[in-house]
PDB file of N, CA and C in Angstrom:
ATOM      1  N   MET A   1      -6.639   8.733   8.616  1.00  0.00           N
ATOM      2  CA  MET A   1      -7.163   7.965   7.093  1.00  0.00           C
ATOM      3  C   MET A   1      -6.128   7.443   6.492  1.00  0.00           C
ATOM      4  N   GLY A   2      -5.954   6.410   6.256  1.00  0.00           N
ATOM      5  CA  GLY A   2      -5.063   5.610   5.515  1.00  0.00           C
ATOM      6  C   GLY A   2      -5.496   5.583   4.113  1.00  0.00           C
ATOM      7  N   VAL A   3      -4.475   5.648   3.226  1.00  0.00           N
ATOM      8  CA  VAL A   3      -4.554   5.624   1.787  1.00  0.00           C
ATOM      9  C   VAL A   3      -3.557   4.212   1.177  1.00  0.00           C
ATOM     10  N   MET A   4      -4.227   3.613   0.045  1.00  0.00           N
ATOM     11  CA  MET A   4      -3.298   2.573  -0.473  1.00  0.00           C
ATOM     12  C   MET A   4      -3.371   3.097  -1.987  1.00  0.00           C
ATOM     13  N   ARG A   5      -2.380   3.318  -2.460  1.00  0.00           N
ATOM     14  CA  ARG A   5      -2.307   3.579  -3.950  1.00  0.00           C
ATOM     15  C   ARG A   5      -1.535   2.376  -4.545  1.00  0.00           C
ATOM     16  N   ILE A   6      -2.438   1.790  -5.622  1.00  0.00           N
ATOM     17  CA  ILE A   6      -1.783   0.458  -6.307  1.00  0.00           C
ATOM     18  C   ILE A   6      -1.488   0.955  -7.728  1.00  0.00           C
ATOM     19  N   ILE A   7      -0.462   1.192  -7.982  1.00  0.00           N
ATOM     20  CA  ILE A   7       0.027   1.800  -9.293  1.00  0.00           C
ATOM     21  C   ILE A   7       0.338   0.506 -10.284  1.00  0.00           C
ATOM     22  N   ASP A   8      -0.649   0.268 -11.462  1.00  0.00           N
ATOM     23  CA  ASP A   8      -0.002  -0.664 -12.188  1.00  0.00           C
ATOM     24  C   ASP A   8      -0.474  -0.324 -13.593  1.00  0.00           C
ATOM     25  N   ALA A   9      -0.628  -1.430 -14.642  1.00  0.00           N
ATOM     26  CA  ALA A   9      -0.776  -1.138 -15.895  1.00  0.00           C
ATOM     27  C   ALA A   9      -2.281  -0.359 -16.189  1.00  0.00           C
ATOM     28  N   THR A  10      -3.131  -0.627 -15.161  1.00  0.00           N
ATOM     29  CA  THR A  10      -4.667   0.065 -15.335  1.00  0.00           C
ATOM     30  C   THR A  10      -4.675   1.571 -14.708  1.00  0.00           C
ATOM     31  N   GLY A  11      -3.596   1.853 -14.066  1.00  0.00           N
ATOM     32  CA  GLY A  11      -3.196   3.166 -13.583  1.00  0.00           C
ATOM     33  C   GLY A  11      -3.017   3.395 -12.130  1.00  0.00           C
ATOM     34  N   ASP A  12      -3.455   4.529 -11.611  1.00  0.00           N
ATOM     35  CA  ASP A  12      -3.070   4.545 -10.228  1.00  0.00           C
ATOM     36  C   ASP A  12      -4.715   4.271  -9.401  1.00  0.00           C
ATOM     37  N   THR A  13      -4.917   3.232  -8.639  1.00  0.00           N
ATOM     38  CA  THR A  13      -6.151   2.931  -7.933  1.00  0.00           C
ATOM     39  C   THR A  13      -5.706   3.335  -6.766  1.00  0.00           C
ATOM     40  N   ILE A  14      -6.888   3.891  -5.879  1.00  0.00           N
ATOM     41  CA  ILE A  14      -6.702   4.512  -4.664  1.00  0.00           C
ATOM     42  C   ILE A  14      -7.869   3.833  -3.516  1.00  0.00           C
ATOM     43  N   LEU A  15      -7.510   3.122  -2.701  1.00  0.00           N
ATOM     44  CA  LEU A  15      -8.127   2.619  -1.630  1.00  0.00           C
ATOM     45  C   LEU A  15      -7.954   3.388  -0.174  1.00  0.00           C
ATOM     46  N   GLU A  16      -9.247   3.749   0.449  1.00  0.00           N
ATOM     47  CA  GLU A  16      -9.052   4.474   1.656  1.00  0.00           C
ATOM     48  C   GLU A  16      -9.597   3.748   2.701  1.00  0.00           C
ATOM     49  N   TRP A  17      -9.338   4.106   3.872  1.00  0.00           N
ATOM     50  CA  TRP A  17      -9.880   3.442   5.248  1.00  0.00           C
ATOM     51  C   TRP A  17      -9.494   4.479   6.393  1.00  0.00           C
ATOM     52  N   ALA A  18     -10.285   4.280   7.284  1.00  0.00           N
ATOM     53  CA  ALA A  18     -10.156   4.851   8.573  1.00  0.00           C
ATOM     54  C   ALA A  18      -9.778   3.915   9.664  1.00  0.00           C
ATOM     55  N   PRO A  19      -8.677   4.266  10.511  1.00  0.00           N
ATOM     56  CA  PRO A  19      -8.354   3.110  11.265  1.00  0.00           C
ATOM     57  C   PRO A  19      -9.270   2.703  12.100  1.00  0.00           C
ATOM     58  N   ASP A  20     -10.427   3.715  12.595  1.00  0.00           N
ATOM     59  CA  ASP A  20     -11.267   2.907  13.538  1.00  0.00           C
ATOM     60  C   ASP A  20     -12.439   2.285  12.729  1.00  0.00           C
ATOM     61  N   ASP A  21     -12.494   1.930  11.498  1.00  0.00           N
ATOM     62  CA  ASP A  21     -13.532   1.506  10.718  1.00  0.00           C
ATOM     63  C   ASP A  21     -12.940   0.079  10.548  1.00  0.00           C
ATOM     64  N   LEU A  22     -13.400  -0.942  11.405  1.00  0.00           N
ATOM     65  CA  LEU A  22     -12.732  -2.105  11.473  1.00  0.00           C
ATOM     66  C   LEU A  22     -13.162  -2.851  10.100  1.00  0.00           C
ATOM     67  N   LEU A  23     -14.267  -2.789   9.469  1.00  0.00           N
ATOM     68  CA  LEU A  23     -14.745  -3.327   8.022  1.00  0.00           C
ATOM     69  C   LEU A  23     -13.697  -2.645   6.933  1.00  0.00           C
ATOM     70  N   ALA A  24     -13.738  -1.489   6.955  1.00  0.00           N
ATOM     71  CA  ALA A  24     -12.444  -0.917   5.746  1.00  0.00           C
ATOM     72  C   ALA A  24     -11.201  -1.293   6.106  1.00  0.00           C
ATOM     73  N   VAL A  25     -10.593  -1.465   7.484  1.00  0.00           N
ATOM     74  CA  VAL A  25      -9.481  -1.974   7.643  1.00  0.00           C
ATOM     75  C   VAL A  25      -9.288  -3.571   7.130  1.00  0.00           C
ATOM     76  N   ALA A  26     -10.224  -4.237   7.567  1.00  0.00           N
ATOM     77  CA  ALA A  26     -10.381  -5.528   7.008  1.00  0.00           C
ATOM     78  C   ALA A  26     -10.127  -5.880   5.541  1.00  0.00           C
ATOM     79  N   ARG A  27     -11.105  -4.785   4.950  1.00  0.00           N
ATOM     80  CA  ARG A  27     -10.973  -4.805   3.509  1.00  0.00           C
ATOM     81  C   ARG A  27      -9.440  -4.422   3.009  1.00  0.00           C
ATOM     82  N   ALA A  28      -9.003  -3.458   3.337  1.00  0.00           N
ATOM     83  CA  ALA A  28      -7.734  -3.089   3.070  1.00  0.00           C
ATOM     84  C   ALA A  28      -6.642  -4.060   3.203  1.00  0.00           C
ATOM     85  N   GLU A  29      -6.779  -4.784   4.392  1.00  0.00           N
ATOM     86  CA  GLU A  29      -5.686  -5.700   4.705  1.00  0.00           C
ATOM     87  C   GLU A  29      -5.812  -6.943   3.533  1.00  0.00           C
ATOM     88  N   ALA A  30      -7.098  -7.123   3.382  1.00  0.00           N
ATOM     89  CA  ALA A  30      -7.356  -8.311   2.350  1.00  0.00           C
ATOM     90  C   ALA A  30      -6.652  -7.899   0.909  1.00  0.00           C
ATOM     91  N   VAL A  31      -6.789  -6.712   0.591  1.00  0.00           N
ATOM     92  CA  VAL A  31      -6.204  -6.179  -0.534  1.00  0.00           C
ATOM     93  C   VAL A  31      -4.837  -6.198  -0.594  1.00  0.00           C
ATOM     94  N   PHE A  32      -4.064  -5.981   0.591  1.00  0.00           N
ATOM     95  CA  PHE A  32      -2.680  -5.955   0.985  1.00  0.00           C
ATOM     96  C   PHE A  32      -2.219  -7.180   0.865  1.00  0.00           C
ATOM     97  N   ASP A  33      -2.776  -8.218   1.456  1.00  0.00           N
ATOM     98  CA  ASP A  33      -2.431  -9.755   1.421  1.00  0.00           C
ATOM     99  C   ASP A  33      -2.546 -10.122  -0.103  1.00  0.00           C
ATOM    100  N   ASP A  34      -3.512 -10.021  -0.857  1.00  0.00           N
ATOM    101  CA  ASP A  34      -3.622 -10.271  -2.264  1.00  0.00           C
ATOM    102  C   ASP A  34      -2.762  -9.717  -2.952  1.00  0.00           C
ATOM    103  N   LEU A  35      -2.177  -8.532  -2.768  1.00  0.00           N
ATOM    104  CA  LEU A  35      -1.047  -7.905  -3.770  1.00  0.00           C
ATOM    105  C   LEU A  35       0.233  -8.565  -3.430  1.00  0.00           C
ATOM    106  N   ARG A  36       0.405  -8.752  -2.065  1.00  0.00           N
ATOM    107  CA  ARG A  36       1.445  -9.365  -1.658  1.00  0.00           C
ATOM    108  C   ARG A  36       1.911 -10.784  -2.041  1.00  0.00           C
ATOM    109  N   ALA A  37       0.619 -11.438  -2.147  1.00  0.00           N
ATOM    110  CA  ALA A  37       0.707 -12.892  -2.842  1.00  0.00           C
ATOM    111  C   ALA A  37       0.900 -12.847  -4.259  1.00  0.00           C
ATOM    112  N   ARG A  38       0.698 -11.711  -4.886  1.00  0.00           N
ATOM    113  CA  ARG A  38       0.873 -11.705  -6.387  1.00  0.00           C
ATOM    114  C   ARG A  38       2.391 -11.116  -6.445  1.00  0.00           C
ATOM    115  N   ARG A  39       3.074 -10.945  -5.449  1.00  0.00           N
ATOM    116  CA  ARG A  39       4.523 -10.448  -5.471  1.00  0.00           C
ATOM    117  C   ARG A  39       4.888  -9.161  -5.694  1.00  0.00           C
ATOM    118  N   GLN A  40       3.673  -8.157  -5.336  1.00  0.00           N
ATOM    119  CA  GLN A  40       3.865  -6.858  -5.783  1.00  0.00           C
ATOM    120  C   GLN A  40       4.797  -6.298  -4.438  1.00  0.00           C
ATOM    121  N   LEU A  41       5.032  -5.200  -4.658  1.00  0.00           N
ATOM    122  CA  LEU A  41       6.173  -4.422  -3.466  1.00  0.00           C
ATOM    123  C   LEU A  41       5.346  -3.536  -3.027  1.00  0.00           C
ATOM    124  N   ALA A  42       5.199  -3.354  -1.536  1.00  0.00           N
ATOM    125  CA  ALA A  42       4.528  -2.305  -0.820  1.00  0.00           C
ATOM    126  C   ALA A  42       5.740  -1.544  -0.101  1.00  0.00           C
ATOM    127  N   PHE A  43       5.308  -0.295   0.032  1.00  0.00           N
ATOM    128  CA  PHE A  43       6.151   0.874   0.503  1.00  0.00           C
ATOM    129  C   PHE A  43       5.310   1.849   1.240  1.00  0.00           C
ATOM    130  N   VAL A  44       5.655   2.120   2.713  1.00  0.00           N
ATOM    131  CA  VAL A  44       5.183   3.354   3.504  1.00  0.00           C
ATOM    132  C   VAL A  44       5.584   4.382   3.392  1.00  0.00           C
ATOM    133  N   ARG A  45       4.895   5.349   3.068  1.00  0.00           N
ATOM    134  CA  ARG A  45       5.731   6.952   3.094  1.00  0.00           C
ATOM    135  C   ARG A  45       4.573   7.371   4.337  1.00  0.00           C
ATOM    136  N   ARG A  46       5.390   8.089   5.226  1.00  0.00           N
ATOM    137  CA  ARG A  46       5.128   8.740   6.316  1.00  0.00           C
ATOM    138  C   ARG A  46       4.751  10.060   5.996  1.00  0.00           C
ATOM    139  N   ALA A  47       4.291  10.907   6.943  1.00  0.00           N
ATOM    140  CA  ALA A  47       3.612  12.290   6.684  1.00  0.00           C
ATOM    141  C   ALA A  47       5.155  13.010   6.686  1.00  0.00           C
ATOM    142  N   GLY A  48       5.261  14.151   5.591  1.00  0.00           N
ATOM    143  CA  GLY A  48       6.382  14.751   5.705  1.00  0.00           C
ATOM    144  C   GLY A  48       7.545  14.300   4.797  1.00  0.00           C
ATOM    145  N   GLU A  49       7.432  12.917   4.617  1.00  0.00           N
ATOM    146  CA  GLU A  49       8.576  12.226   3.784  1.00  0.00           C
ATOM    147  C   GLU A  49       8.427  12.423   2.322  1.00  0.00           C
ATOM    148  N   SER A  50       9.257  12.441   1.508  1.00  0.00           N
ATOM    149  CA  SER A  50       9.467  12.202   0.091  1.00  0.00           C
ATOM    150  C   SER A  50       9.502  10.663  -0.317  1.00  0.00           C
ATOM    151  N   ALA A  51       8.910  10.566  -1.431  1.00  0.00           N
ATOM    152  CA  ALA A  51       8.639   9.205  -1.972  1.00  0.00           C
ATOM    153  C   ALA A  51      10.000   8.580  -2.001  1.00  0.00           C
ATOM    154  N   HIS A  52      11.100   9.304  -1.906  1.00  0.00           N
ATOM    155  CA  HIS A  52      12.374   8.537  -1.761  1.00  0.00           C
ATOM    156  C   HIS A  52      12.911   7.879  -0.575  1.00  0.00           C
ATOM    157  N   ASP A  53      11.991   8.551   0.676  1.00  0.00           N
ATOM    158  CA  ASP A  53      12.203   8.094   2.067  1.00  0.00           C
ATOM    159  C   ASP A  53      11.152   7.105   2.297  1.00  0.00           C
ATOM    160  N   ALA A  54      10.335   6.415   1.461  1.00  0.00           N
ATOM    161  CA  ALA A  54       9.518   5.356   1.544  1.00  0.00           C
ATOM    162  C   ALA A  54      10.333   4.160   2.041  1.00  0.00           C
ATOM    163  N   GLU A  55       9.786   3.456   2.940  1.00  0.00           N
ATOM    164  CA  GLU A  55      10.290   2.345   3.428  1.00  0.00           C
ATOM    165  C   GLU A  55       9.529   0.764   3.080  1.00  0.00           C
ATOM    166  N   ARG A  56      10.020  -0.174   2.481  1.00  0.00           N
ATOM    167  CA  ARG A  56       9.423  -1.068   1.844  1.00  0.00           C
ATOM    168  C   ARG A  56       9.054  -2.004   3.285  1.00  0.00           C
ATOM    169  N   VAL A  57       7.629  -2.631   3.142  1.00  0.00           N
ATOM    170  CA  VAL A  57       7.109  -3.324   4.152  1.00  0.00           C
ATOM    171  C   VAL A  57       6.558  -4.578   3.627  1.00  0.00           C
ATOM    172  N   ALA A  58       6.328  -5.436   4.647  1.00  0.00           N
ATOM    173  CA  ALA A  58       5.906  -6.835   4.234  1.00  0.00           C
ATOM    174  C   ALA A  58       4.434  -7.207   5.072  1.00  0.00           C
ATOM    175  N   SER A  59       3.871  -6.239   5.933  1.00  0.00           N
ATOM    176  CA  SER A  59       2.900  -6.589   6.387  1.00  0.00           C
ATOM    177  C   SER A  59       1.950  -5.240   6.560  1.00  0.00           C
ATOM    178  N   PHE A  60       0.688  -5.479   6.694  1.00  0.00           N
ATOM    179  CA  PHE A  60      -0.195  -4.327   6.542  1.00  0.00           C
ATOM    180  C   PHE A  60      -0.387  -3.576   7.780  1.00  0.00           C
ATOM    181  N   ASP A  61      -0.148  -2.250   8.118  1.00  0.00           N
ATOM    182  CA  ASP A  61      -0.335  -1.569   9.067  1.00  0.00           C
ATOM    183  C   ASP A  61      -1.514  -0.494   9.056  1.00  0.00           C
ATOM    184  N   PRO A  62      -2.552  -0.786   9.749  1.00  0.00           N
ATOM    185  CA  PRO A  62      -3.639   0.120   9.442  1.00  0.00           C
ATOM    186  C   PRO A  62      -3.545   1.474   9.944  1.00  0.00           C
ATOM    187  N   GLY A  63      -2.534   1.761  10.726  1.00  0.00           N
ATOM    188  CA  GLY A  63      -1.985   3.267  11.110  1.00  0.00           C
ATOM    189  C   GLY A  63      -1.131   3.829  10.040  1.00  0.00           C
ATOM    190  N   ALA A  64      -0.946   3.214   9.025  1.00  0.00           N
ATOM    191  CA  ALA A  64      -0.132   3.794   7.733  1.00  0.00           C
ATOM    192  C   ALA A  64      -0.899   4.914   7.134  1.00  0.00           C
ATOM    193  N   GLU A  65      -0.107   5.944   7.053  1.00  0.00           N
ATOM    194  CA  GLU A  65      -1.093   7.092   6.425  1.00  0.00           C
ATOM    195  C   GLU A  65      -0.936   6.883   4.762  1.00  0.00           C
ATOM    196  N   GLU A  66       0.059   6.239   4.202  1.00  0.00           N
ATOM    197  CA  GLU A  66       0.016   5.836   2.973  1.00  0.00           C
ATOM    198  C   GLU A  66       0.770   4.739   2.610  1.00  0.00           C
ATOM    199  N   ILE A  67       0.313   3.585   1.815  1.00  0.00           N
ATOM    200  CA  ILE A  67       0.865   2.685   1.425  1.00  0.00           C
ATOM    201  C   ILE A  67       0.913   2.636  -0.242  1.00  0.00           C
ATOM    202  N   ILE A  68       1.971   2.548  -0.847  1.00  0.00           N
ATOM    203  CA  ILE A  68       2.159   2.652  -2.306  1.00  0.00           C
ATOM    204  C   ILE A  68       2.783   1.268  -2.971  1.00  0.00           C
ATOM    205  N   TRP A  69       1.927   0.521  -3.747  1.00  0.00           N
ATOM    206  CA  TRP A  69       2.305  -0.763  -4.365  1.00  0.00           C
ATOM    207  C   TRP A  69       2.670  -0.417  -5.767  1.00  0.00           C
ATOM    208  N   VAL A  70       3.701  -1.300  -6.069  1.00  0.00           N
ATOM    209  CA  VAL A  70       4.411  -1.163  -7.396  1.00  0.00           C
ATOM    210  C   VAL A  70       4.736  -2.681  -7.950  1.00  0.00           C
ATOM    211  N   ARG A  71       4.804  -2.775  -9.014  1.00  0.00           N
ATOM    212  CA  ARG A  71       4.999  -4.124  -9.618  1.00  0.00           C
ATOM    213  C   ARG A  71       6.742  -4.118  -9.465  1.00  0.00           C
ATOM    214  N   PRO A  72       7.332  -5.167  -9.324  1.00  0.00           N
ATOM    215  CA  PRO A  72       8.758  -5.309  -9.422  1.00  0.00           C
ATOM    216  C   PRO A  72       9.178  -5.223 -10.863  1.00  0.00           C
ATOM    217  N   ILE A  73      10.349  -4.608 -11.101  1.00  0.00           N
ATOM    218  CA  ILE A  73      10.833  -4.538 -12.347  1.00  0.00           C
ATOM    219  C   ILE A  73      12.069  -5.518 -12.714  1.00  0.00           C
ATOM    220  N   ALA A  74      12.153  -6.154 -13.668  1.00  0.00           N
ATOM    221  CA  ALA A  74      13.111  -7.180 -13.869  1.00  0.00           C
ATOM    222  C   ALA A  74      14.323  -6.324 -14.685  1.00  0.00           C
ATOM    223  N   GLY A  75      15.599  -6.479 -14.276  1.00  0.00           N
ATOM    224  CA  GLY A  75      16.472  -6.181 -15.038  1.00  0.00           C
ATOM    225  C   GLY A  75      17.177  -7.218 -15.432  1.00  0.00           C
ATOM    226  N   GLY A  76      18.580  -6.600 -16.375  1.00  0.00           N
ATOM    227  CA  GLY A  76      19.335  -7.523 -16.814  1.00  0.00           C
ATOM    228  C   GLY A  76      20.674  -6.950 -17.055  1.00  0.00           C
TER     229      GLY A  76
END
């Protein structure tokens, strides 16, 4: 089971899919592509890893256990 967590101003939205459910995978990939087009940042965290070990990704992986989306933060 894959989980996509979208952390934004509205809170923490969760989208789940089973890798063998082609319709759910297509929906999750469409959400991934939409968020990437809006310049959000995606990170994949694998089983047993901490949030500090998450790896930034640029494409959807239906086999990913957890994808976390965050907004970029401007600094100065």
